[in-house]
Amino acid sequence: MALQHAVSGERIELQRGDDDIAHFTSVALIKTEHMELIRLVVPKEKPMPEHRVEGEMTLVCLEGEIAFDAHGRTTILRPNEMVYLAGGEPHAVRANKDAVALLTILLGPVRTGGPTRDPRGSGN
């Protein structure tokens, strides 16, 4: 059976490791011409308001609980779960519990043709 790839805004479960990351300040871990990798700290009292990033991105919850708003819905991320978002999609991030996440942004132009839509429809 072929692997079903995730679509924009879909939660992906990951296995939890024994070496949870400690709470530190947000820091860019890697930045190249094509990619940026950030350890993101999201305190419960400091939500990130709606914004857009040019490139495609993934957000992996390492600790805590993250509410990720995109595509007109909220996806809750717990440790070892992640979300993918197409470039240029508006989104907001807030922590239901103080959270640490790993954010990857692919740097490059936004896809043409407007916002992406879930090809599986709204029945998810």
PDB file of N, CA and C in Angstrom:
ATOM      1  N   MET A   1       0.843  -1.180   0.000  1.00  0.00           N
ATOM      2  CA  MET A   1       0.000   0.000   0.000  1.00  0.00           C
ATOM      3  C   MET A   1       0.884   1.237   0.000  1.00  0.00           C
ATOM      4  N   ALA A   2       0.568   2.201  -0.833  1.00  0.00           N
ATOM      5  CA  ALA A   2       1.356   3.425  -0.940  1.00  0.00           C
ATOM      6  C   ALA A   2       1.123   4.308   0.277  1.00  0.00           C
ATOM      7  N   LEU A   3       2.160   5.016   0.676  1.00  0.00           N
ATOM      8  CA  LEU A   3       2.072   5.956   1.775  1.00  0.00           C
ATOM      9  C   LEU A   3       1.201   7.130   1.366  1.00  0.00           C
ATOM     10  N   GLN A   4       0.213   7.457   2.193  1.00  0.00           N
ATOM     11  CA  GLN A   4      -0.622   8.626   1.919  1.00  0.00           C
ATOM     12  C   GLN A   4       0.100   9.848   2.483  1.00  0.00           C
ATOM     13  N   HIS A   5       0.412  10.802   1.640  1.00  0.00           N
ATOM     14  CA  HIS A   5       1.118  11.992   2.084  1.00  0.00           C
ATOM     15  C   HIS A   5       0.153  12.959   2.756  1.00  0.00           C
ATOM     16  N   ALA A   6       0.660  13.667   3.744  1.00  0.00           N
ATOM     17  CA  ALA A   6      -0.147  14.653   4.451  1.00  0.00           C
ATOM     18  C   ALA A   6      -0.423  15.842   3.543  1.00  0.00           C
ATOM     19  N   VAL A   7      -1.541  16.486   3.775  1.00  0.00           N
ATOM     20  CA  VAL A   7      -1.880  17.696   3.046  1.00  0.00           C
ATOM     21  C   VAL A   7      -1.790  18.875   4.011  1.00  0.00           C
ATOM     22  N   SER A   8      -1.816  20.058   3.483  1.00  0.00           N
ATOM     23  CA  SER A   8      -1.684  21.271   4.270  1.00  0.00           C
ATOM     24  C   SER A   8      -2.683  21.295   5.432  1.00  0.00           C
ATOM     25  N   GLY A   9      -2.155  21.520   6.631  1.00  0.00           N
ATOM     26  CA  GLY A   9      -2.998  21.635   7.813  1.00  0.00           C
ATOM     27  C   GLY A   9      -3.292  20.331   8.531  1.00  0.00           C
ATOM     28  N   GLU A  10      -2.831  19.199   8.031  1.00  0.00           N
ATOM     29  CA  GLU A  10      -3.117  17.904   8.637  1.00  0.00           C
ATOM     30  C   GLU A  10      -2.099  17.552   9.715  1.00  0.00           C
ATOM     31  N   ARG A  11      -2.566  17.021  10.840  1.00  0.00           N
ATOM     32  CA  ARG A  11      -1.702  16.596  11.941  1.00  0.00           C
ATOM     33  C   ARG A  11      -1.032  15.272  11.582  1.00  0.00           C
ATOM     34  N   ILE A  12       0.237  15.139  11.973  1.00  0.00           N
ATOM     35  CA  ILE A  12       1.007  13.906  11.741  1.00  0.00           C
ATOM     36  C   ILE A  12       1.552  13.459  13.085  1.00  0.00           C
ATOM     37  N   GLU A  13       1.266  12.232  13.497  1.00  0.00           N
ATOM     38  CA  GLU A  13       1.766  11.732  14.775  1.00  0.00           C
ATOM     39  C   GLU A  13       3.203  11.241  14.630  1.00  0.00           C
ATOM     40  N   LEU A  14       4.021  11.544  15.638  1.00  0.00           N
ATOM     41  CA  LEU A  14       5.418  11.099  15.691  1.00  0.00           C
ATOM     42  C   LEU A  14       5.644  10.394  17.014  1.00  0.00           C
ATOM     43  N   GLN A  15       6.544   9.416  17.034  1.00  0.00           N
ATOM     44  CA  GLN A  15       6.862   8.693  18.260  1.00  0.00           C
ATOM     45  C   GLN A  15       7.657   9.586  19.200  1.00  0.00           C
ATOM     46  N   ARG A  16       7.314   9.568  20.486  1.00  0.00           N
ATOM     47  CA  ARG A  16       7.988  10.387  21.485  1.00  0.00           C
ATOM     48  C   ARG A  16       9.336   9.775  21.859  1.00  0.00           C
ATOM     49  N   GLY A  17      10.384  10.623  21.920  1.00  0.00           N
ATOM     50  CA  GLY A  17      11.708  10.174  22.330  1.00  0.00           C
ATOM     51  C   GLY A  17      11.931  10.381  23.811  1.00  0.00           C
ATOM     52  N   ASP A  18      13.003   9.826  24.332  1.00  0.00           N
ATOM     53  CA  ASP A  18      13.322   9.952  25.754  1.00  0.00           C
ATOM     54  C   ASP A  18      14.080  11.232  26.076  1.00  0.00           C
ATOM     55  N   ASP A  19      14.542  11.949  25.063  1.00  0.00           N
ATOM     56  CA  ASP A  19      15.380  13.126  25.300  1.00  0.00           C
ATOM     57  C   ASP A  19      14.644  14.425  24.949  1.00  0.00           C
ATOM     58  N   ASP A  20      13.561  14.703  25.702  1.00  0.00           N
ATOM     59  CA  ASP A  20      12.801  15.933  25.478  1.00  0.00           C
ATOM     60  C   ASP A  20      13.715  17.151  25.548  1.00  0.00           C
ATOM     61  N   ILE A  21      13.413  18.105  24.735  1.00  0.00           N
ATOM     62  CA  ILE A  21      14.202  19.333  24.686  1.00  0.00           C
ATOM     63  C   ILE A  21      13.825  20.230  25.875  1.00  0.00           C
ATOM     64  N   ALA A  22      14.783  20.889  26.475  1.00  0.00           N
ATOM     65  CA  ALA A  22      14.520  21.799  27.593  1.00  0.00           C
ATOM     66  C   ALA A  22      13.962  23.114  27.061  1.00  0.00           C
ATOM     67  N   HIS A  23      13.309  23.861  27.942  1.00  0.00           N
ATOM     68  CA  HIS A  23      12.749  25.165  27.545  1.00  0.00           C
ATOM     69  C   HIS A  23      13.878  26.195  27.453  1.00  0.00           C
ATOM     70  N   PHE A  24      14.115  26.674  26.256  1.00  0.00           N
ATOM     71  CA  PHE A  24      15.107  27.717  26.009  1.00  0.00           C
ATOM     72  C   PHE A  24      14.447  28.801  25.176  1.00  0.00           C
ATOM     73  N   THR A  25      15.156  29.847  24.911  1.00  0.00           N
ATOM     74  CA  THR A  25      14.686  30.904  24.040  1.00  0.00           C
ATOM     75  C   THR A  25      14.612  30.387  22.609  1.00  0.00           C
ATOM     76  N   SER A  26      13.642  30.916  21.834  1.00  0.00           N
ATOM     77  CA  SER A  26      13.568  30.556  20.413  1.00  0.00           C
ATOM     78  C   SER A  26      14.892  30.895  19.753  1.00  0.00           C
ATOM     79  N   VAL A  27      15.359  29.987  18.892  1.00  0.00           N
ATOM     80  CA  VAL A  27      16.650  30.202  18.252  1.00  0.00           C
ATOM     81  C   VAL A  27      16.641  29.554  16.871  1.00  0.00           C
ATOM     82  N   ALA A  28      17.217  30.259  15.891  1.00  0.00           N
ATOM     83  CA  ALA A  28      17.389  29.677  14.560  1.00  0.00           C
ATOM     84  C   ALA A  28      18.534  28.678  14.645  1.00  0.00           C
ATOM     85  N   LEU A  29      18.228  27.404  14.415  1.00  0.00           N
ATOM     86  CA  LEU A  29      19.247  26.358  14.497  1.00  0.00           C
ATOM     87  C   LEU A  29      20.047  26.255  13.210  1.00  0.00           C
ATOM     88  N   ILE A  30      19.380  26.410  12.079  1.00  0.00           N
ATOM     89  CA  ILE A  30      20.032  26.348  10.766  1.00  0.00           C
ATOM     90  C   ILE A  30      19.325  27.326   9.847  1.00  0.00           C
ATOM     91  N   LYS A  31      20.100  28.058   9.056  1.00  0.00           N
ATOM     92  CA  LYS A  31      19.521  28.897   8.012  1.00  0.00           C
ATOM     93  C   LYS A  31      20.426  28.799   6.798  1.00  0.00           C
ATOM     94  N   THR A  32      19.848  28.340   5.697  1.00  0.00           N
ATOM     95  CA  THR A  32      20.580  28.248   4.444  1.00  0.00           C
ATOM     96  C   THR A  32      19.814  29.052   3.403  1.00  0.00           C
ATOM     97  N   GLU A  33      20.285  29.022   2.189  1.00  0.00           N
ATOM     98  CA  GLU A  33      19.603  29.726   1.099  1.00  0.00           C
ATOM     99  C   GLU A  33      18.190  29.177   0.884  1.00  0.00           C
ATOM    100  N   HIS A  34      17.973  27.900   1.209  1.00  0.00           N
ATOM    101  CA  HIS A  34      16.700  27.250   0.891  1.00  0.00           C
ATOM    102  C   HIS A  34      15.878  26.826   2.096  1.00  0.00           C
ATOM    103  N   MET A  35      16.429  26.906   3.326  1.00  0.00           N
ATOM    104  CA  MET A  35      15.728  26.361   4.480  1.00  0.00           C
ATOM    105  C   MET A  35      16.137  27.066   5.762  1.00  0.00           C
ATOM    106  N   GLU A  36      15.182  27.173   6.677  1.00  0.00           N
ATOM    107  CA  GLU A  36      15.479  27.687   8.014  1.00  0.00           C
ATOM    108  C   GLU A  36      14.866  26.729   9.027  1.00  0.00           C
ATOM    109  N   LEU A  37      15.644  26.357  10.042  1.00  0.00           N
ATOM    110  CA  LEU A  37      15.197  25.457  11.094  1.00  0.00           C
ATOM    111  C   LEU A  37      15.276  26.211  12.410  1.00  0.00           C
ATOM    112  N   ILE A  38      14.150  26.280  13.127  1.00  0.00           N
ATOM    113  CA  ILE A  38      14.051  27.100  14.333  1.00  0.00           C
ATOM    114  C   ILE A  38      13.517  26.266  15.482  1.00  0.00           C
ATOM    115  N   ARG A  39      14.177  26.333  16.648  1.00  0.00           N
ATOM    116  CA  ARG A  39      13.586  25.795  17.875  1.00  0.00           C
ATOM    117  C   ARG A  39      12.739  26.932  18.434  1.00  0.00           C
ATOM    118  N   LEU A  40      11.441  26.731  18.445  1.00  0.00           N
ATOM    119  CA  LEU A  40      10.482  27.774  18.784  1.00  0.00           C
ATOM    120  C   LEU A  40       9.901  27.519  20.168  1.00  0.00           C
ATOM    121  N   VAL A  41      10.012  28.505  21.058  1.00  0.00           N
ATOM    122  CA  VAL A  41       9.406  28.426  22.382  1.00  0.00           C
ATOM    123  C   VAL A  41       8.141  29.274  22.347  1.00  0.00           C
ATOM    124  N   VAL A  42       7.002  28.654  22.716  1.00  0.00           N
ATOM    125  CA  VAL A  42       5.722  29.355  22.686  1.00  0.00           C
ATOM    126  C   VAL A  42       5.115  29.320  24.091  1.00  0.00           C
ATOM    127  N   PRO A  43       5.352  30.380  24.885  1.00  0.00           N
ATOM    128  CA  PRO A  43       4.735  30.437  26.215  1.00  0.00           C
ATOM    129  C   PRO A  43       3.223  30.595  26.089  1.00  0.00           C
ATOM    130  N   LYS A  44       2.496  30.027  27.032  1.00  0.00           N
ATOM    131  CA  LYS A  44       1.025  30.082  27.000  1.00  0.00           C
ATOM    132  C   LYS A  44       0.523  31.512  26.912  1.00  0.00           C
ATOM    133  N   GLU A  45       1.214  32.437  27.565  1.00  0.00           N
ATOM    134  CA  GLU A  45       0.724  33.829  27.617  1.00  0.00           C
ATOM    135  C   GLU A  45       1.175  34.688  26.427  1.00  0.00           C
ATOM    136  N   LYS A  46       1.894  34.099  25.448  1.00  0.00           N
ATOM    137  CA  LYS A  46       2.391  34.891  24.315  1.00  0.00           C
ATOM    138  C   LYS A  46       2.048  34.236  22.969  1.00  0.00           C
ATOM    139  N   PRO A  47       0.780  34.323  22.535  1.00  0.00           N
ATOM    140  CA  PRO A  47       0.414  33.740  21.237  1.00  0.00           C
ATOM    141  C   PRO A  47       1.046  34.511  20.087  1.00  0.00           C
ATOM    142  N   MET A  48       1.218  33.817  18.952  1.00  0.00           N
ATOM    143  CA  MET A  48       1.707  34.463  17.726  1.00  0.00           C
ATOM    144  C   MET A  48       0.471  34.800  16.885  1.00  0.00           C
ATOM    145  N   PRO A  49       0.194  36.082  16.634  1.00  0.00           N
ATOM    146  CA  PRO A  49      -1.002  36.439  15.869  1.00  0.00           C
ATOM    147  C   PRO A  49      -0.915  35.940  14.425  1.00  0.00           C
ATOM    148  N   GLU A  50      -2.035  35.987  13.737  1.00  0.00           N
ATOM    149  CA  GLU A  50      -2.070  35.503  12.355  1.00  0.00           C
ATOM    150  C   GLU A  50      -1.028  36.209  11.500  1.00  0.00           C
ATOM    151  N   HIS A  51      -0.326  35.411  10.698  1.00  0.00           N
ATOM    152  CA  HIS A  51       0.714  35.914   9.813  1.00  0.00           C
ATOM    153  C   HIS A  51       0.899  34.903   8.685  1.00  0.00           C
ATOM    154  N   ARG A  52       1.775  35.183   7.756  1.00  0.00           N
ATOM    155  CA  ARG A  52       2.101  34.285   6.655  1.00  0.00           C
ATOM    156  C   ARG A  52       3.611  34.203   6.535  1.00  0.00           C
ATOM    157  N   VAL A  53       4.095  33.070   6.060  1.00  0.00           N
ATOM    158  CA  VAL A  53       5.501  32.961   5.672  1.00  0.00           C
ATOM    159  C   VAL A  53       5.517  32.569   4.206  1.00  0.00           C
ATOM    160  N   GLU A  54       6.525  33.017   3.504  1.00  0.00           N
ATOM    161  CA  GLU A  54       6.569  32.803   2.065  1.00  0.00           C
ATOM    162  C   GLU A  54       6.708  31.333   1.696  1.00  0.00           C
ATOM    163  N   GLY A  55       7.537  30.597   2.410  1.00  0.00           N
ATOM    164  CA  GLY A  55       7.807  29.207   2.036  1.00  0.00           C
ATOM    165  C   GLY A  55       6.922  28.204   2.751  1.00  0.00           C
ATOM    166  N   GLU A  56       6.949  26.982   2.242  1.00  0.00           N
ATOM    167  CA  GLU A  56       6.259  25.883   2.906  1.00  0.00           C
ATOM    168  C   GLU A  56       6.909  25.655   4.261  1.00  0.00           C
ATOM    169  N   MET A  57       6.126  25.138   5.216  1.00  0.00           N
ATOM    170  CA  MET A  57       6.662  24.955   6.557  1.00  0.00           C
ATOM    171  C   MET A  57       6.106  23.708   7.223  1.00  0.00           C
ATOM    172  N   THR A  58       6.850  23.223   8.210  1.00  0.00           N
ATOM    173  CA  THR A  58       6.357  22.200   9.119  1.00  0.00           C
ATOM    174  C   THR A  58       6.588  22.697  10.534  1.00  0.00           C
ATOM    175  N   LEU A  59       5.699  22.299  11.441  1.00  0.00           N
ATOM    176  CA  LEU A  59       5.822  22.639  12.845  1.00  0.00           C
ATOM    177  C   LEU A  59       5.641  21.340  13.628  1.00  0.00           C
ATOM    178  N   VAL A  60       6.680  20.948  14.374  1.00  0.00           N
ATOM    179  CA  VAL A  60       6.660  19.717  15.165  1.00  0.00           C
ATOM    180  C   VAL A  60       6.594  20.107  16.636  1.00  0.00           C
ATOM    181  N   CYS A  61       5.581  19.634  17.340  1.00  0.00           N
ATOM    182  CA  CYS A  61       5.475  19.881  18.781  1.00  0.00           C
ATOM    183  C   CYS A  61       6.405  18.928  19.508  1.00  0.00           C
ATOM    184  N   LEU A  62       7.315  19.476  20.305  1.00  0.00           N
ATOM    185  CA  LEU A  62       8.242  18.664  21.093  1.00  0.00           C
ATOM    186  C   LEU A  62       7.786  18.536  22.545  1.00  0.00           C
ATOM    187  N   GLU A  63       7.228  19.623  23.093  1.00  0.00           N
ATOM    188  CA  GLU A  63       6.748  19.658  24.475  1.00  0.00           C
ATOM    189  C   GLU A  63       5.526  20.546  24.543  1.00  0.00           C
ATOM    190  N   GLY A  64       4.651  20.299  25.506  1.00  0.00           N
ATOM    191  CA  GLY A  64       3.490  21.140  25.724  1.00  0.00           C
ATOM    192  C   GLY A  64       2.347  20.802  24.787  1.00  0.00           C
ATOM    193  N   GLU A  65       1.535  21.816  24.468  1.00  0.00           N
ATOM    194  CA  GLU A  65       0.397  21.640  23.568  1.00  0.00           C
ATOM    195  C   GLU A  65       0.193  22.922  22.775  1.00  0.00           C
ATOM    196  N   ILE A  66       0.130  22.777  21.454  1.00  0.00           N
ATOM    197  CA  ILE A  66       0.031  23.927  20.547  1.00  0.00           C
ATOM    198  C   ILE A  66      -1.299  23.897  19.820  1.00  0.00           C
ATOM    199  N   ALA A  67      -1.948  25.056  19.749  1.00  0.00           N
ATOM    200  CA  ALA A  67      -3.142  25.234  18.925  1.00  0.00           C
ATOM    201  C   ALA A  67      -2.684  25.967  17.664  1.00  0.00           C
ATOM    202  N   PHE A  68      -2.858  25.330  16.518  1.00  0.00           N
ATOM    203  CA  PHE A  68      -2.404  25.860  15.230  1.00  0.00           C
ATOM    204  C   PHE A  68      -3.632  26.181  14.398  1.00  0.00           C
ATOM    205  N   ASP A  69      -3.847  27.472  14.114  1.00  0.00           N
ATOM    206  CA  ASP A  69      -5.011  27.918  13.359  1.00  0.00           C
ATOM    207  C   ASP A  69      -4.647  28.150  11.904  1.00  0.00           C
ATOM    208  N   ALA A  70      -5.293  27.404  10.989  1.00  0.00           N
ATOM    209  CA  ALA A  70      -5.085  27.565   9.550  1.00  0.00           C
ATOM    210  C   ALA A  70      -6.259  26.907   8.830  1.00  0.00           C
ATOM    211  N   HIS A  71      -6.531  27.346   7.630  1.00  0.00           N
ATOM    212  CA  HIS A  71      -7.588  26.754   6.802  1.00  0.00           C
ATOM    213  C   HIS A  71      -8.955  26.805   7.493  1.00  0.00           C
ATOM    214  N   GLY A  72      -9.178  27.822   8.332  1.00  0.00           N
ATOM    215  CA  GLY A  72     -10.468  27.974   8.987  1.00  0.00           C
ATOM    216  C   GLY A  72     -10.731  26.972  10.103  1.00  0.00           C
ATOM    217  N   ARG A  73      -9.691  26.303  10.594  1.00  0.00           N
ATOM    218  CA  ARG A  73      -9.876  25.348  11.684  1.00  0.00           C
ATOM    219  C   ARG A  73      -8.652  25.372  12.604  1.00  0.00           C
ATOM    220  N   THR A  74      -8.811  24.825  13.793  1.00  0.00           N
ATOM    221  CA  THR A  74      -7.725  24.724  14.762  1.00  0.00           C
ATOM    222  C   THR A  74      -7.289  23.270  14.857  1.00  0.00           C
ATOM    223  N   THR A  75      -5.988  23.040  14.703  1.00  0.00           N
ATOM    224  CA  THR A  75      -5.394  21.718  14.870  1.00  0.00           C
ATOM    225  C   THR A  75      -4.589  21.738  16.152  1.00  0.00           C
ATOM    226  N   ILE A  76      -4.875  20.810  17.051  1.00  0.00           N
ATOM    227  CA  ILE A  76      -4.144  20.715  18.314  1.00  0.00           C
ATOM    228  C   ILE A  76      -2.959  19.775  18.113  1.00  0.00           C
ATOM    229  N   LEU A  77      -1.775  20.253  18.475  1.00  0.00           N
ATOM    230  CA  LEU A  77      -0.547  19.463  18.374  1.00  0.00           C
ATOM    231  C   LEU A  77      -0.029  19.171  19.775  1.00  0.00           C
ATOM    232  N   ARG A  78       0.225  17.901  20.017  1.00  0.00           N
ATOM    233  CA  ARG A  78       0.828  17.448  21.263  1.00  0.00           C
ATOM    234  C   ARG A  78       2.217  16.901  20.933  1.00  0.00           C
ATOM    235  N   PRO A  79       3.025  16.584  21.938  1.00  0.00           N
ATOM    236  CA  PRO A  79       4.379  16.097  21.647  1.00  0.00           C
ATOM    237  C   PRO A  79       4.379  14.974  20.607  1.00  0.00           C
ATOM    238  N   ASN A  80       5.316  15.103  19.661  1.00  0.00           N
ATOM    239  CA  ASN A  80       5.517  14.152  18.572  1.00  0.00           C
ATOM    240  C   ASN A  80       4.404  14.167  17.537  1.00  0.00           C
ATOM    241  N   GLU A  81       3.725  15.295  17.408  1.00  0.00           N
ATOM    242  CA  GLU A  81       2.778  15.507  16.327  1.00  0.00           C
ATOM    243  C   GLU A  81       3.233  16.738  15.557  1.00  0.00           C
ATOM    244  N   MET A  82       2.934  16.759  14.273  1.00  0.00           N
ATOM    245  CA  MET A  82       3.374  17.876  13.450  1.00  0.00           C
ATOM    246  C   MET A  82       2.298  18.272  12.457  1.00  0.00           C
ATOM    247  N   VAL A  83       2.493  19.441  11.873  1.00  0.00           N
ATOM    248  CA  VAL A  83       1.581  19.950  10.862  1.00  0.00           C
ATOM    249  C   VAL A  83       2.416  20.506   9.714  1.00  0.00           C
ATOM    250  N   TYR A  84       1.906  20.368   8.501  1.00  0.00           N
ATOM    251  CA  TYR A  84       2.516  20.947   7.288  1.00  0.00           C
ATOM    252  C   TYR A  84       1.609  22.074   6.825  1.00  0.00           C
ATOM    253  N   LEU A  85       2.200  23.148   6.316  1.00  0.00           N
ATOM    254  CA  LEU A  85       1.419  24.255   5.782  1.00  0.00           C
ATOM    255  C   LEU A  85       2.068  24.759   4.508  1.00  0.00           C
ATOM    256  N   ALA A  86       1.261  24.933   3.482  1.00  0.00           N
ATOM    257  CA  ALA A  86       1.740  25.459   2.205  1.00  0.00           C
ATOM    258  C   ALA A  86       2.176  26.911   2.370  1.00  0.00           C
ATOM    259  N   GLY A  87       3.102  27.344   1.538  1.00  0.00           N
ATOM    260  CA  GLY A  87       3.601  28.710   1.589  1.00  0.00           C
ATOM    261  C   GLY A  87       2.498  29.728   1.347  1.00  0.00           C
ATOM    262  N   GLY A  88       2.553  30.825   2.076  1.00  0.00           N
ATOM    263  CA  GLY A  88       1.613  31.919   1.894  1.00  0.00           C
ATOM    264  C   GLY A  88       0.288  31.751   2.605  1.00  0.00           C
ATOM    265  N   GLU A  89       0.059  30.619   3.268  1.00  0.00           N
ATOM    266  CA  GLU A  89      -1.204  30.390   3.977  1.00  0.00           C
ATOM    267  C   GLU A  89      -1.203  31.162   5.297  1.00  0.00           C
ATOM    268  N   PRO A  90      -2.259  31.920   5.568  1.00  0.00           N
ATOM    269  CA  PRO A  90      -2.332  32.612   6.861  1.00  0.00           C
ATOM    270  C   PRO A  90      -2.502  31.595   7.991  1.00  0.00           C
ATOM    271  N   HIS A  91      -1.826  31.853   9.109  1.00  0.00           N
ATOM    272  CA  HIS A  91      -1.915  30.959  10.255  1.00  0.00           C
ATOM    273  C   HIS A  91      -1.547  31.703  11.532  1.00  0.00           C
ATOM    274  N   ALA A  92      -1.980  31.153  12.667  1.00  0.00           N
ATOM    275  CA  ALA A  92      -1.644  31.686  13.986  1.00  0.00           C
ATOM    276  C   ALA A  92      -1.246  30.515  14.866  1.00  0.00           C
ATOM    277  N   VAL A  93      -0.413  30.797  15.868  1.00  0.00           N
ATOM    278  CA  VAL A  93       0.089  29.757  16.764  1.00  0.00           C
ATOM    279  C   VAL A  93      -0.080  30.243  18.193  1.00  0.00           C
ATOM    280  N   ARG A  94      -0.625  29.363  19.041  1.00  0.00           N
ATOM    281  CA  ARG A  94      -0.711  29.687  20.466  1.00  0.00           C
ATOM    282  C   ARG A  94      -0.506  28.395  21.252  1.00  0.00           C
ATOM    283  N   ALA A  95      -0.097  28.533  22.495  1.00  0.00           N
ATOM    284  CA  ALA A  95       0.146  27.366  23.345  1.00  0.00           C
ATOM    285  C   ALA A  95      -0.983  27.215  24.346  1.00  0.00           C
ATOM    286  N   ASN A  96      -1.590  26.032  24.384  1.00  0.00           N
ATOM    287  CA  ASN A  96      -2.554  25.714  25.441  1.00  0.00           C
ATOM    288  C   ASN A  96      -1.801  25.411  26.735  1.00  0.00           C
ATOM    289  N   LYS A  97      -0.587  24.867  26.590  1.00  0.00           N
ATOM    290  CA  LYS A  97       0.378  24.655  27.683  1.00  0.00           C
ATOM    291  C   LYS A  97       1.700  25.156  27.129  1.00  0.00           C
ATOM    292  N   ASP A  98       2.552  25.748  27.968  1.00  0.00           N
ATOM    293  CA  ASP A  98       3.862  26.201  27.483  1.00  0.00           C
ATOM    294  C   ASP A  98       4.439  25.135  26.564  1.00  0.00           C
ATOM    295  N   ALA A  99       4.947  25.552  25.395  1.00  0.00           N
ATOM    296  CA  ALA A  99       5.340  24.580  24.378  1.00  0.00           C
ATOM    297  C   ALA A  99       6.694  24.893  23.770  1.00  0.00           C
ATOM    298  N   VAL A 100       7.346  23.842  23.291  1.00  0.00           N
ATOM    299  CA  VAL A 100       8.572  23.935  22.512  1.00  0.00           C
ATOM    300  C   VAL A 100       8.305  23.188  21.216  1.00  0.00           C
ATOM    301  N   ALA A 101       8.681  23.790  20.089  1.00  0.00           N
ATOM    302  CA  ALA A 101       8.414  23.183  18.785  1.00  0.00           C
ATOM    303  C   ALA A 101       9.635  23.321  17.892  1.00  0.00           C
ATOM    304  N   LEU A 102       9.646  22.521  16.855  1.00  0.00           N
ATOM    305  CA  LEU A 102      10.680  22.599  15.829  1.00  0.00           C
ATOM    306  C   LEU A 102       9.997  23.078  14.557  1.00  0.00           C
ATOM    307  N   LEU A 103      10.404  24.237  14.067  1.00  0.00           N
ATOM    308  CA  LEU A 103       9.804  24.869  12.897  1.00  0.00           C
ATOM    309  C   LEU A 103      10.784  24.807  11.735  1.00  0.00           C
ATOM    310  N   THR A 104      10.339  24.274  10.613  1.00  0.00           N
ATOM    311  CA  THR A 104      11.145  24.242   9.397  1.00  0.00           C
ATOM    312  C   THR A 104      10.423  25.056   8.341  1.00  0.00           C
ATOM    313  N   ILE A 105      11.124  26.002   7.723  1.00  0.00           N
ATOM    314  CA  ILE A 105      10.564  26.817   6.646  1.00  0.00           C
ATOM    315  C   ILE A 105      11.428  26.623   5.412  1.00  0.00           C
ATOM    316  N   LEU A 106      10.793  26.229   4.305  1.00  0.00           N
ATOM    317  CA  LEU A 106      11.496  26.163   3.030  1.00  0.00           C
ATOM    318  C   LEU A 106      11.423  27.546   2.415  1.00  0.00           C
ATOM    319  N   LEU A 107      12.571  28.119   2.120  1.00  0.00           N
ATOM    320  CA  LEU A 107      12.629  29.487   1.627  1.00  0.00           C
ATOM    321  C   LEU A 107      12.512  29.488   0.110  1.00  0.00           C
ATOM    322  N   GLY A 108      11.629  30.311  -0.400  1.00  0.00           N
ATOM    323  CA  GLY A 108      11.423  30.373  -1.837  1.00  0.00           C
ATOM    324  C   GLY A 108      10.092  31.025  -2.144  1.00  0.00           C
ATOM    325  N   PRO A 109       9.767  31.161  -3.409  1.00  0.00           N
ATOM    326  CA  PRO A 109       8.534  31.853  -3.786  1.00  0.00           C
ATOM    327  C   PRO A 109       7.289  31.054  -3.423  1.00  0.00           C
ATOM    328  N   VAL A 110       6.210  31.789  -3.189  1.00  0.00           N
ATOM    329  CA  VAL A 110       4.909  31.182  -2.932  1.00  0.00           C
ATOM    330  C   VAL A 110       4.417  30.518  -4.209  1.00  0.00           C
ATOM    331  N   ARG A 111       3.767  29.374  -4.078  1.00  0.00           N
ATOM    332  CA  ARG A 111       3.179  28.709  -5.244  1.00  0.00           C
ATOM    333  C   ARG A 111       2.149  29.618  -5.889  1.00  0.00           C
ATOM    334  N   THR A 112       2.041  29.539  -7.210  1.00  0.00           N
ATOM    335  CA  THR A 112       1.032  30.325  -7.907  1.00  0.00           C
ATOM    336  C   THR A 112      -0.302  29.610  -7.858  1.00  0.00           C
ATOM    337  N   GLY A 113      -1.380  30.346  -8.108  1.00  0.00           N
ATOM    338  CA  GLY A 113      -2.696  29.729  -8.150  1.00  0.00           C
ATOM    339  C   GLY A 113      -3.482  29.901  -6.870  1.00  0.00           C
ATOM    340  N   GLY A 114      -2.991  30.684  -5.920  1.00  0.00           N
ATOM    341  CA  GLY A 114      -3.751  30.962  -4.707  1.00  0.00           C
ATOM    342  C   GLY A 114      -3.560  29.902  -3.642  1.00  0.00           C
ATOM    343  N   PRO A 115      -4.384  29.987  -2.576  1.00  0.00           N
ATOM    344  CA  PRO A 115      -4.254  29.065  -1.453  1.00  0.00           C
ATOM    345  C   PRO A 115      -4.499  27.615  -1.878  1.00  0.00           C
ATOM    346  N   THR A 116      -3.839  26.714  -1.183  1.00  0.00           N
ATOM    347  CA  THR A 116      -4.055  25.302  -1.461  1.00  0.00           C
ATOM    348  C   THR A 116      -5.312  24.842  -0.751  1.00  0.00           C
ATOM    349  N   ARG A 117      -5.905  23.798  -1.252  1.00  0.00           N
ATOM    350  CA  ARG A 117      -7.091  23.228  -0.624  1.00  0.00           C
ATOM    351  C   ARG A 117      -6.845  21.747  -0.392  1.00  0.00           C
ATOM    352  N   ASP A 118      -7.473  21.239   0.647  1.00  0.00           N
ATOM    353  CA  ASP A 118      -7.365  19.824   0.972  1.00  0.00           C
ATOM    354  C   ASP A 118      -8.100  19.025  -0.087  1.00  0.00           C
ATOM    355  N   PRO A 119      -7.393  18.198  -0.892  1.00  0.00           N
ATOM    356  CA  PRO A 119      -8.054  17.447  -1.960  1.00  0.00           C
ATOM    357  C   PRO A 119      -9.026  16.409  -1.447  1.00  0.00           C
ATOM    358  N   ARG A 120      -8.998  16.131  -0.148  1.00  0.00           N
ATOM    359  CA  ARG A 120      -9.932  15.155   0.425  1.00  0.00           C
ATOM    360  C   ARG A 120     -11.257  15.805   0.817  1.00  0.00           C
ATOM    361  N   GLY A 121     -11.377  17.119   0.592  1.00  0.00           N
ATOM    362  CA  GLY A 121     -12.630  17.813   0.891  1.00  0.00           C
ATOM    363  C   GLY A 121     -12.713  18.206   2.344  1.00  0.00           C
ATOM    364  N   SER A 122     -13.846  18.739   2.746  1.00  0.00           N
ATOM    365  CA  SER A 122     -14.019  19.237   4.108  1.00  0.00           C
ATOM    366  C   SER A 122     -14.604  18.188   5.049  1.00  0.00           C
ATOM    367  N   GLY A 123     -14.731  16.974   4.602  1.00  0.00           N
ATOM    368  CA  GLY A 123     -15.323  15.933   5.433  1.00  0.00           C
ATOM    369  C   GLY A 123     -14.361  15.275   6.390  1.00  0.00           C
ATOM    370  N   ASN A 124     -13.209  15.905   6.699  1.00  0.00           N
ATOM    371  CA  ASN A 124     -12.228  15.297   7.615  1.00  0.00           C
ATOM    372  C   ASN A 124     -12.584  15.544   9.043  1.00  0.00           C
TER     373      ASN A 124
END
